[in-house]
Amino acid sequence: MTLQEYKKKRTEEMSVLSFTMRQQVVPDYKIQNALIGLYDDSVMRKIRQLCYDFRVEYYRLDSSIKKAKTEFEIDEICKNNKFDKIK
């Protein structure tokens, strides 16, 4: 596997992890309920912020992985993701 292939693989893994972790914090049904206006503004802001935080962390990882020069560096970037800190 080339370094570019490895970067792609690990980026895809981080995408799946982001959605999986987000689902644990904000299940899809809550997002759907928010979209149809079932929650008050404070709940809507919280859901929006949580989704935003997961997105920002994914793109931070994506950018770092693209700059990485070795598989070890990529693994360290992925290992040190902050998805579990988003609550």
C-alpha atoms as a PDB file:
ATOM      1  CA  MET A   1       0.000   0.000   0.000  1.00  0.00           C
ATOM      2  CA  THR A   2       1.376   3.401  -0.942  1.00  0.00           C
ATOM      3  CA  LEU A   3       1.448   6.315   1.483  1.00  0.00           C
ATOM      4  CA  GLN A   4      -1.354   8.012  -0.477  1.00  0.00           C
ATOM      5  CA  GLU A   5      -3.511   4.883  -0.238  1.00  0.00           C
ATOM      6  CA  TYR A   6      -2.786   4.661   3.473  1.00  0.00           C
ATOM      7  CA  LYS A   7      -3.768   8.303   3.955  1.00  0.00           C
ATOM      8  CA  LYS A   8      -7.038   7.678   2.125  1.00  0.00           C
ATOM      9  CA  LYS A   9      -7.770   4.559   4.181  1.00  0.00           C
ATOM     10  CA  ARG A  10      -7.092   6.258   7.516  1.00  0.00           C
ATOM     11  CA  THR A  11      -9.073   9.375   6.513  1.00  0.00           C
ATOM     12  CA  GLU A  12     -12.045   7.161   5.684  1.00  0.00           C
ATOM     13  CA  GLU A  13     -11.661   5.417   9.046  1.00  0.00           C
ATOM     14  CA  MET A  14     -11.702   8.794  10.807  1.00  0.00           C
ATOM     15  CA  SER A  15     -14.867   9.725   8.908  1.00  0.00           C
ATOM     16  CA  VAL A  16     -16.598   6.544  10.052  1.00  0.00           C
ATOM     17  CA  LEU A  17     -15.367   7.101  13.602  1.00  0.00           C
ATOM     18  CA  SER A  18     -16.641  10.678  13.558  1.00  0.00           C
ATOM     19  CA  PHE A  19     -20.140   9.591  12.525  1.00  0.00           C
ATOM     20  CA  THR A  20     -20.126   6.694  14.988  1.00  0.00           C
ATOM     21  CA  MET A  21     -19.070   8.870  17.914  1.00  0.00           C
ATOM     22  CA  ARG A  22     -21.506  11.625  16.897  1.00  0.00           C
ATOM     23  CA  GLN A  23     -24.310   9.059  16.801  1.00  0.00           C
ATOM     24  CA  GLN A  24     -23.516   8.144  20.410  1.00  0.00           C
ATOM     25  CA  VAL A  25     -23.700  11.789  21.511  1.00  0.00           C
ATOM     26  CA  VAL A  26     -26.484  12.996  19.198  1.00  0.00           C
ATOM     27  CA  PRO A  27     -28.521  10.138  17.709  1.00  0.00           C
ATOM     28  CA  ASP A  28     -29.959  10.630  14.225  1.00  0.00           C
ATOM     29  CA  TYR A  29     -33.513  10.793  15.556  1.00  0.00           C
ATOM     30  CA  LYS A  30     -32.594  13.890  17.589  1.00  0.00           C
ATOM     31  CA  ILE A  31     -31.174  15.557  14.493  1.00  0.00           C
ATOM     32  CA  GLN A  32     -34.335  14.671  12.573  1.00  0.00           C
ATOM     33  CA  ASN A  33     -36.495  16.029  15.392  1.00  0.00           C
ATOM     34  CA  ALA A  34     -34.427  19.213  15.409  1.00  0.00           C
ATOM     35  CA  LEU A  35     -34.885  19.594  11.654  1.00  0.00           C
ATOM     36  CA  ILE A  36     -38.663  19.582  12.023  1.00  0.00           C
ATOM     37  CA  GLY A  37     -38.564  22.023  14.912  1.00  0.00           C
ATOM     38  CA  LEU A  38     -39.494  19.819  17.860  1.00  0.00           C
ATOM     39  CA  TYR A  39     -36.900  21.319  20.214  1.00  0.00           C
ATOM     40  CA  ASP A  40     -36.503  24.737  21.755  1.00  0.00           C
ATOM     41  CA  ASP A  41     -33.676  27.076  20.746  1.00  0.00           C
ATOM     42  CA  SER A  42     -31.247  25.980  23.469  1.00  0.00           C
ATOM     43  CA  VAL A  43     -31.492  22.310  22.445  1.00  0.00           C
ATOM     44  CA  MET A  44     -31.183  23.270  18.778  1.00  0.00           C
ATOM     45  CA  ARG A  45     -28.018  25.276  19.489  1.00  0.00           C
ATOM     46  CA  LYS A  46     -26.532  22.380  21.474  1.00  0.00           C
ATOM     47  CA  ILE A  47     -27.213  19.870  18.688  1.00  0.00           C
ATOM     48  CA  ARG A  48     -25.858  22.250  16.062  1.00  0.00           C
ATOM     49  CA  GLN A  49     -22.710  22.883  18.116  1.00  0.00           C
ATOM     50  CA  LEU A  50     -22.078  19.191  18.723  1.00  0.00           C
ATOM     51  CA  CYS A  51     -22.415  18.368  15.017  1.00  0.00           C
ATOM     52  CA  TYR A  52     -20.161  21.310  14.187  1.00  0.00           C
ATOM     53  CA  ASP A  53     -17.531  20.141  16.693  1.00  0.00           C
ATOM     54  CA  PHE A  54     -17.410  16.661  15.152  1.00  0.00           C
ATOM     55  CA  ARG A  55     -17.085  18.191  11.695  1.00  0.00           C
ATOM     56  CA  VAL A  56     -14.258  20.514  12.764  1.00  0.00           C
ATOM     57  CA  GLU A  57     -12.357  17.656  14.401  1.00  0.00           C
ATOM     58  CA  TYR A  58     -12.725  15.484  11.283  1.00  0.00           C
ATOM     59  CA  TYR A  59     -11.373  18.241   9.040  1.00  0.00           C
ATOM     60  CA  ARG A  60      -8.511  18.913  11.472  1.00  0.00           C
ATOM     61  CA  LEU A  61      -7.543  15.242  11.219  1.00  0.00           C
ATOM     62  CA  ASP A  62      -7.989  15.232   7.445  1.00  0.00           C
ATOM     63  CA  SER A  63      -5.675  18.217   7.074  1.00  0.00           C
ATOM     64  CA  SER A  64      -3.040  16.696   9.374  1.00  0.00           C
ATOM     65  CA  ILE A  65      -3.175  13.334   7.601  1.00  0.00           C
ATOM     66  CA  LYS A  66      -2.677  15.040   4.230  1.00  0.00           C
ATOM     67  CA  LYS A  67       0.496  16.711   5.563  1.00  0.00           C
ATOM     68  CA  ALA A  68       1.900  13.545   7.167  1.00  0.00           C
ATOM     69  CA  LYS A  69       5.066  12.038   5.738  1.00  0.00           C
ATOM     70  CA  THR A  70       4.952   8.545   7.251  1.00  0.00           C
ATOM     71  CA  GLU A  71       2.464   5.876   8.242  1.00  0.00           C
ATOM     72  CA  PHE A  72       3.638   6.208  11.837  1.00  0.00           C
ATOM     73  CA  GLU A  73       2.827   9.922  11.791  1.00  0.00           C
ATOM     74  CA  ILE A  74      -0.612   9.178  10.368  1.00  0.00           C
ATOM     75  CA  ASP A  75      -1.260   6.579  13.047  1.00  0.00           C
ATOM     76  CA  GLU A  76      -0.283   9.060  15.770  1.00  0.00           C
ATOM     77  CA  ILE A  77      -2.603  11.689  14.321  1.00  0.00           C
ATOM     78  CA  CYS A  78      -5.489   9.226  14.248  1.00  0.00           C
ATOM     79  CA  LYS A  79      -4.725   7.846  17.702  1.00  0.00           C
ATOM     80  CA  ASN A  80      -4.821  11.340  19.144  1.00  0.00           C
ATOM     81  CA  ASN A  81      -8.207  12.285  17.716  1.00  0.00           C
ATOM     82  CA  LYS A  82     -10.462  14.269  20.035  1.00  0.00           C
ATOM     83  CA  PHE A  83     -13.828  12.771  19.135  1.00  0.00           C
ATOM     84  CA  ASP A  84     -14.219  11.318  22.607  1.00  0.00           C
ATOM     85  CA  LYS A  85     -13.857  14.806  24.134  1.00  0.00           C
ATOM     86  CA  ILE A  86     -16.915  16.146  22.302  1.00  0.00           C
ATOM     87  CA  LYS A  87     -19.930  16.071  24.588  1.00  0.00           C
END
